[in-house]
Each structure stands twice: as structure tokens, then as C-alpha cells.
Amino acid sequence: MCSLKVLRKQQLSVGDLTWDKDDGAAMDFVAAASNLRAHVFEIPRKSRFDIKSIAGSIIPAVATTNAIIAGLIVMEALKILAGDTSLCKSTYLPKYPNPRKQLFISCPLAPPNPKCYVCAPRPEVTLVTNVKILSVLNFQEKILKEHLGMVAPDVDIDDGKGTILISSEEGETTENLPKALIDLGVTSGTRLKADDFMQSYELMITILHRELPDDTLFTIQEASSASSESKKRKATDNSETEGPVSSRRRKDSSEL
């Protein structure tokens, strides 16, 4: 607080203050504010001497970098506002200029990955888990929030009735949290619609029941890989079914 009083007196006497690392009061304030912020974010704190050496050299670099990045962002934002999203580009700053002496390298945006459950036209994944063990709480916290990055998910069972499994409204589905998925009618093949309104993000989740090792709560499969696996299982089932029939046909032919 002493540095604040000194800075306030300086402002009253000279007007607007100019940053100077050799100004004791200004340096005390910056050191205190930096260490308070470091404490909040669990960052190792620095001594006043270390902060002085950092603060004395970082300001011009930060100001220049911020101005450049802000300019690049505005240039791309103008293209979006004009409806020319096909002209948008990604810009990179290499360590050294390229042979053309270019410091900034731009390239067209990569197209959305159709297998990605974020940028695909219809995001969809298959959740492999034991529905007898996985609770709604673990499904919400471990899978939706931690693994899939949702913030405030709402989950409905795609059963034509709009059955609510998880609600972002506090207290609305609290009684569901300790229950296993199977207790709420979620079985192998059930489709769940997850919606995170805070990110304008929707995801369709297909449940695949399977007994997993004790140290594995779930696995996530992309829609394409899950579909191919389902086809393989179906082909295997068909071959097992057709095997005895074929042998009977051969036997019947031999008898004739």
C-alpha cells in the first residue's frame, strides 16, 4: 500500500505517470501485483530483482506482438464479415525468414476433418463402456466435461420421448447422478444427444456396452471406426450362421 500512496502523490503533482523500472514505487507495485497474480494461478513467484529484469525488457516486445497479432486477426475478421470465408488464411511466424525474405507465412485453412467429433458436419462418436457400472455422474464429469471438453452439457435420450438424462439447470436431474446408465434405460445401441449451449455444440453419442478391464472406465471411438467394427461383427455373425447351413447343403448333395 505504501507504493500506491507514493504513486498517487506523484500523479497529483505531475499528472499522468510514465512507467520507469528505476522508479522505486512503480517497481514495488509491479512486483507485488505480479506475485499476487502468480499466487492465484499457482505460478512460482519471483524476487523483486528478477521481476525488474523481466519488466524492463518485456513491455516493448509485448506491445509490438499484440499489435501485430491484433492486426492479423482484424484482417481475417473483415473477410468473414464480407462473407469471403474462402479467402481466410492461417498465418505463421517462422523462426527465420524464408528464402523470399518473408517473415509471415500464410496458407489456406485446412478443411474440416470429417472424422473429428468437433468439426465434422454431424459430430458423432461411439462410447464403449459398461452401462452397468458407469454412473451418470462419471459420464458427466469424466467423459462429457473432461474428455469431450463440454462446459454445461444437456443430455437427452434419443428415444422419441425426449427423456432428459442430464440437465445443465441446477437441481433438475440431481437424482440421476448416482445411478448407473442402465438404471435409466441406457443400453447397448442407445443414442444420446449431448448439447452444450455455452459453446453452441451438439454431439450424438452412441452407447456400446462392453465388459472392460478394471482400470478402464470407457473408450471413445469415431463414428467411422465404430461403424466398420459393427460391420465386422455382423459379417462374423453371418459367417458363423451360414457355416452349418453350407455343410448341410453339401451333405444333402452327396446323398442325392
Protein backbone atom coordinates (compact mmCIF):
# COMPACT_ATOMS: atom_id res chain seq x y z
CA MET A 1 0.00 0.00 0.00
CA CYS A 2 2.95 2.35 0.55
CA SER A 3 3.85 2.22 -3.15
CA LEU A 4 0.25 3.10 -4.05
CA LYS A 5 0.35 6.16 -1.79
CA VAL A 6 3.62 7.31 -3.33
CA LEU A 7 2.31 6.81 -6.88
CA ARG A 8 -0.90 8.66 -6.02
CA LYS A 9 1.09 11.64 -4.73
CA GLN A 10 3.22 11.60 -7.90
CA GLN A 11 0.11 11.59 -10.06
CA LEU A 12 -1.36 14.56 -8.19
CA SER A 13 1.84 16.53 -8.63
CA VAL A 14 2.92 15.66 -12.20
CA GLY A 15 -0.24 14.24 -13.82
CA ASP A 16 -0.13 11.03 -15.83
CA LEU A 17 2.63 8.68 -14.77
CA THR A 18 5.13 7.04 -17.14
CA TRP A 19 6.45 3.55 -16.44
CA ASP A 20 10.07 3.52 -15.33
CA LYS A 21 11.67 0.40 -13.91
CA ASP A 22 14.06 2.60 -11.94
CA ASP A 23 11.16 4.26 -10.12
CA GLY A 24 11.14 2.51 -6.73
CA ALA A 25 7.43 2.95 -6.02
CA ALA A 26 6.42 1.81 -9.50
CA MET A 27 8.70 -1.21 -9.29
CA ASP A 28 7.36 -2.16 -5.84
CA PHE A 29 3.80 -2.02 -7.16
CA VAL A 30 4.58 -4.13 -10.25
CA ALA A 31 6.48 -6.72 -8.16
CA ALA A 32 3.61 -7.02 -5.66
CA ALA A 33 0.94 -7.25 -8.36
CA SER A 34 2.96 -9.83 -10.33
CA ASN A 35 3.47 -12.09 -7.33
CA LEU A 36 -0.19 -11.82 -6.33
CA ARG A 37 -1.20 -12.94 -9.82
CA ALA A 38 1.40 -15.70 -9.75
CA HIS A 39 -0.01 -16.93 -6.43
CA VAL A 40 -3.56 -17.03 -7.83
CA PHE A 41 -2.51 -19.12 -10.84
CA GLU A 42 -0.04 -21.26 -8.86
CA ILE A 43 2.96 -19.90 -10.77
CA PRO A 44 6.34 -19.75 -8.97
CA ARG A 45 6.86 -16.28 -7.56
CA LYS A 46 9.87 -14.14 -8.39
CA SER A 47 12.08 -11.79 -6.42
CA ARG A 48 11.92 -8.05 -6.95
CA PHE A 49 15.25 -8.18 -8.79
CA ASP A 50 14.01 -10.89 -11.20
CA ILE A 51 10.78 -9.01 -11.85
CA LYS A 52 12.70 -5.81 -12.54
CA SER A 53 14.86 -7.52 -15.15
CA ILE A 54 11.77 -9.04 -16.81
CA ALA A 55 9.63 -5.90 -16.68
CA GLY A 56 12.40 -3.78 -18.09
CA SER A 57 12.58 -5.73 -21.34
CA ILE A 58 9.19 -7.31 -21.93
CA ILE A 59 6.95 -4.29 -22.41
CA PRO A 60 8.11 -3.23 -25.90
CA ALA A 61 8.05 -6.86 -27.08
CA VAL A 62 4.54 -7.47 -25.75
CA ALA A 63 3.19 -4.22 -27.18
CA THR A 64 4.62 -4.95 -30.63
CA THR A 65 3.49 -8.59 -30.66
CA ASN A 66 -0.03 -7.72 -29.52
CA ALA A 67 -0.33 -5.04 -32.20
CA ILE A 68 0.79 -7.43 -34.96
CA ILE A 69 -1.49 -10.26 -33.87
CA ALA A 70 -4.44 -7.90 -33.42
CA GLY A 71 -3.89 -6.58 -36.94
CA LEU A 72 -3.83 -10.10 -38.42
CA ILE A 73 -7.00 -11.03 -36.56
CA VAL A 74 -8.83 -7.95 -37.82
CA MET A 75 -7.78 -8.70 -41.41
CA GLU A 76 -9.30 -12.20 -41.19
CA ALA A 77 -12.39 -10.88 -39.37
CA LEU A 78 -13.06 -8.46 -42.24
CA LYS A 79 -13.08 -11.40 -44.68
CA ILE A 80 -15.62 -13.22 -42.52
CA LEU A 81 -17.84 -10.14 -42.22
CA ALA A 82 -17.69 -9.70 -46.00
CA GLY A 83 -18.76 -13.32 -46.48
CA ASP A 84 -15.45 -14.33 -48.11
CA THR A 85 -14.54 -17.13 -45.72
CA SER A 86 -12.83 -18.99 -48.58
CA LEU A 87 -10.17 -16.27 -48.54
CA CYS A 88 -9.34 -16.74 -44.84
CA LYS A 89 -5.83 -17.98 -44.12
CA SER A 90 -3.69 -19.22 -41.27
CA THR A 91 -0.59 -17.12 -40.63
CA TYR A 92 2.63 -18.47 -39.15
CA LEU A 93 5.73 -16.73 -37.89
CA PRO A 94 8.80 -18.93 -38.57
CA LYS A 95 11.96 -18.67 -36.55
CA TYR A 96 13.82 -17.27 -39.55
CA PRO A 97 12.59 -15.55 -42.76
CA ASN A 98 12.07 -17.91 -45.69
CA PRO A 99 14.16 -17.69 -48.92
CA ARG A 100 11.79 -14.98 -50.16
CA LYS A 101 12.64 -12.93 -47.06
CA GLN A 102 9.06 -13.29 -45.82
CA LEU A 103 8.63 -13.04 -42.08
CA PHE A 104 4.95 -14.08 -42.09
CA ILE A 105 3.87 -17.24 -43.90
CA SER A 106 0.20 -17.66 -44.75
CA CYS A 107 -1.65 -20.68 -46.12
CA PRO A 108 -5.30 -21.60 -46.80
CA LEU A 109 -7.32 -23.00 -43.93
CA ALA A 110 -7.38 -26.78 -43.70
CA PRO A 111 -10.82 -28.28 -44.44
CA PRO A 112 -12.77 -29.79 -41.54
CA ASN A 113 -11.80 -33.35 -40.68
CA PRO A 114 -14.91 -35.47 -41.33
CA LYS A 115 -13.76 -37.92 -38.64
CA CYS A 116 -13.40 -35.20 -35.99
CA TYR A 117 -16.22 -35.07 -33.45
CA VAL A 118 -15.85 -31.29 -33.22
CA CYS A 119 -15.61 -30.00 -36.79
CA ALA A 120 -17.50 -32.75 -38.65
CA PRO A 121 -20.81 -31.68 -40.28
CA ARG A 122 -22.67 -34.05 -37.93
CA PRO A 123 -20.43 -34.71 -34.90
CA GLU A 124 -20.88 -38.25 -33.65
CA VAL A 125 -18.91 -40.68 -31.50
CA THR A 126 -19.38 -44.13 -30.04
CA LEU A 127 -18.85 -44.54 -26.31
CA VAL A 128 -17.67 -48.00 -25.32
CA THR A 129 -18.38 -48.60 -21.64
CA ASN A 130 -20.04 -50.89 -19.14
CA VAL A 131 -23.52 -49.41 -18.72
CA LYS A 132 -23.99 -51.47 -15.55
CA ILE A 133 -21.07 -49.71 -13.87
CA LEU A 134 -20.79 -46.22 -15.40
CA SER A 135 -22.77 -43.73 -13.34
CA VAL A 136 -24.43 -40.63 -14.75
CA LEU A 137 -22.10 -38.50 -12.60
CA ASN A 138 -18.97 -40.09 -14.07
CA PHE A 139 -20.49 -39.83 -17.53
CA GLN A 140 -21.00 -36.10 -16.97
CA GLU A 141 -17.70 -35.26 -15.28
CA LYS A 142 -15.19 -37.76 -16.70
CA ILE A 143 -16.49 -38.10 -20.25
CA LEU A 144 -18.53 -35.06 -21.25
CA LYS A 145 -16.55 -32.41 -19.40
CA GLU A 146 -13.01 -33.77 -19.05
CA HIS A 147 -12.67 -35.85 -22.22
CA LEU A 148 -15.04 -34.13 -24.65
CA GLY A 149 -14.48 -30.61 -23.31
CA MET A 150 -18.08 -29.64 -22.63
CA VAL A 151 -18.86 -26.93 -20.09
CA ALA A 152 -22.58 -27.17 -19.31
CA PRO A 153 -23.92 -30.27 -21.08
CA ASP A 154 -27.56 -31.23 -21.51
CA VAL A 155 -28.14 -34.85 -22.49
CA ASP A 156 -31.36 -36.35 -23.84
CA ILE A 157 -32.04 -39.99 -24.70
CA ASP A 158 -32.93 -40.21 -28.38
CA ASP A 159 -36.00 -42.36 -27.75
CA GLY A 160 -38.64 -40.17 -29.33
CA LYS A 161 -39.82 -39.04 -25.90
CA GLY A 162 -37.08 -36.52 -25.12
CA THR A 163 -36.13 -38.25 -21.86
CA ILE A 164 -33.68 -35.99 -20.02
CA LEU A 165 -30.60 -37.75 -18.65
CA ILE A 166 -28.51 -34.71 -17.65
CA SER A 167 -29.60 -31.08 -17.37
CA SER A 168 -27.42 -28.00 -17.00
CA GLU A 169 -30.17 -26.48 -14.88
CA GLU A 170 -29.07 -26.84 -11.26
CA GLY A 171 -31.02 -29.46 -9.33
CA GLU A 172 -33.15 -30.64 -12.26
CA THR A 173 -31.55 -34.08 -12.66
CA THR A 174 -29.59 -34.38 -9.41
CA GLU A 175 -31.36 -37.63 -8.56
CA ASN A 176 -29.96 -39.23 -11.73
CA LEU A 177 -26.30 -38.62 -10.91
CA PRO A 178 -25.57 -41.63 -8.64
CA LYS A 179 -27.49 -44.06 -10.86
CA ALA A 180 -25.88 -46.35 -13.44
CA LEU A 181 -26.74 -45.71 -17.08
CA ILE A 182 -28.62 -48.98 -17.35
CA ASP A 183 -30.91 -47.95 -14.48
CA LEU A 184 -32.17 -45.09 -16.66
CA GLY A 185 -32.79 -47.23 -19.73
CA VAL A 186 -29.43 -46.67 -21.45
CA THR A 187 -28.30 -49.93 -23.04
CA SER A 188 -26.08 -51.02 -25.91
CA GLY A 189 -27.23 -49.20 -29.03
CA THR A 190 -28.87 -46.30 -27.19
CA ARG A 191 -28.23 -42.93 -28.80
CA LEU A 192 -27.75 -39.85 -26.64
CA LYS A 193 -27.93 -36.26 -27.82
CA ALA A 194 -25.50 -34.03 -25.91
CA ASP A 195 -25.87 -30.27 -26.25
CA ASP A 196 -23.59 -27.62 -24.74
CA PHE A 197 -25.36 -24.29 -25.23
CA MET A 198 -22.39 -22.34 -23.84
CA GLN A 199 -20.34 -23.45 -26.86
CA SER A 200 -23.17 -23.91 -29.40
CA TYR A 201 -22.03 -27.50 -29.75
CA GLU A 202 -24.08 -30.65 -30.31
CA LEU A 203 -22.80 -34.23 -30.30
CA MET A 204 -24.58 -37.52 -30.93
CA ILE A 205 -23.26 -40.34 -28.73
CA THR A 206 -23.96 -44.00 -29.46
CA ILE A 207 -23.54 -46.29 -26.46
CA LEU A 208 -21.81 -49.63 -26.95
CA HIS A 209 -21.95 -51.86 -23.88
CA ARG A 210 -18.86 -53.94 -23.24
CA GLU A 211 -17.09 -55.51 -20.27
CA LEU A 212 -13.86 -53.51 -19.83
CA PRO A 213 -10.75 -54.05 -17.68
CA ASP A 214 -10.97 -52.73 -14.13
CA ASP A 215 -8.61 -49.83 -14.91
CA THR A 216 -10.59 -48.70 -17.98
CA LEU A 217 -13.82 -46.77 -17.46
CA PHE A 218 -14.54 -46.08 -21.13
CA THR A 219 -13.11 -45.68 -24.62
CA ILE A 220 -14.19 -43.29 -27.35
CA GLN A 221 -14.47 -44.40 -30.98
CA GLU A 222 -15.01 -42.19 -34.00
CA ALA A 223 -18.25 -42.85 -35.83
CA SER A 224 -16.49 -44.30 -38.89
CA SER A 225 -14.37 -46.77 -36.91
CA ALA A 226 -17.34 -47.83 -34.82
CA SER A 227 -19.36 -48.42 -37.98
CA SER A 228 -16.64 -50.57 -39.53
CA GLU A 229 -16.33 -52.58 -36.31
CA SER A 230 -20.07 -53.14 -36.29
CA LYS A 231 -19.93 -54.37 -39.87
CA LYS A 232 -17.09 -56.77 -39.00
CA ARG A 233 -19.08 -58.19 -36.08
CA LYS A 234 -22.12 -58.57 -38.32
CA ALA A 235 -20.06 -60.32 -41.01
CA THR A 236 -18.61 -62.65 -38.37
CA ASP A 237 -22.06 -63.48 -37.04
CA ASN A 238 -23.32 -64.18 -40.56
CA SER A 239 -20.39 -66.47 -41.36
CA GLU A 240 -20.97 -68.42 -38.16
CA THR A 241 -24.64 -68.76 -39.03
CA GLU A 242 -24.06 -69.75 -42.65
CA GLY A 243 -21.35 -72.33 -41.85
CA PRO A 244 -23.61 -75.18 -40.65
CA VAL A 245 -26.15 -74.42 -43.41
CA SER A 246 -23.48 -74.81 -46.10
CA SER A 247 -22.31 -78.11 -44.62
CA ARG A 248 -25.87 -79.40 -44.59
CA ARG A 249 -26.26 -78.45 -48.23
CA ARG A 250 -23.09 -80.33 -49.14
CA LYS A 251 -24.36 -83.36 -47.23
CA ASP A 252 -27.72 -83.23 -48.99
CA SER A 253 -25.96 -83.05 -52.36
CA SER A 254 -23.83 -86.11 -51.57
CA GLU A 255 -26.90 -88.10 -50.59
CA LEU A 256 -28.50 -87.27 -53.90
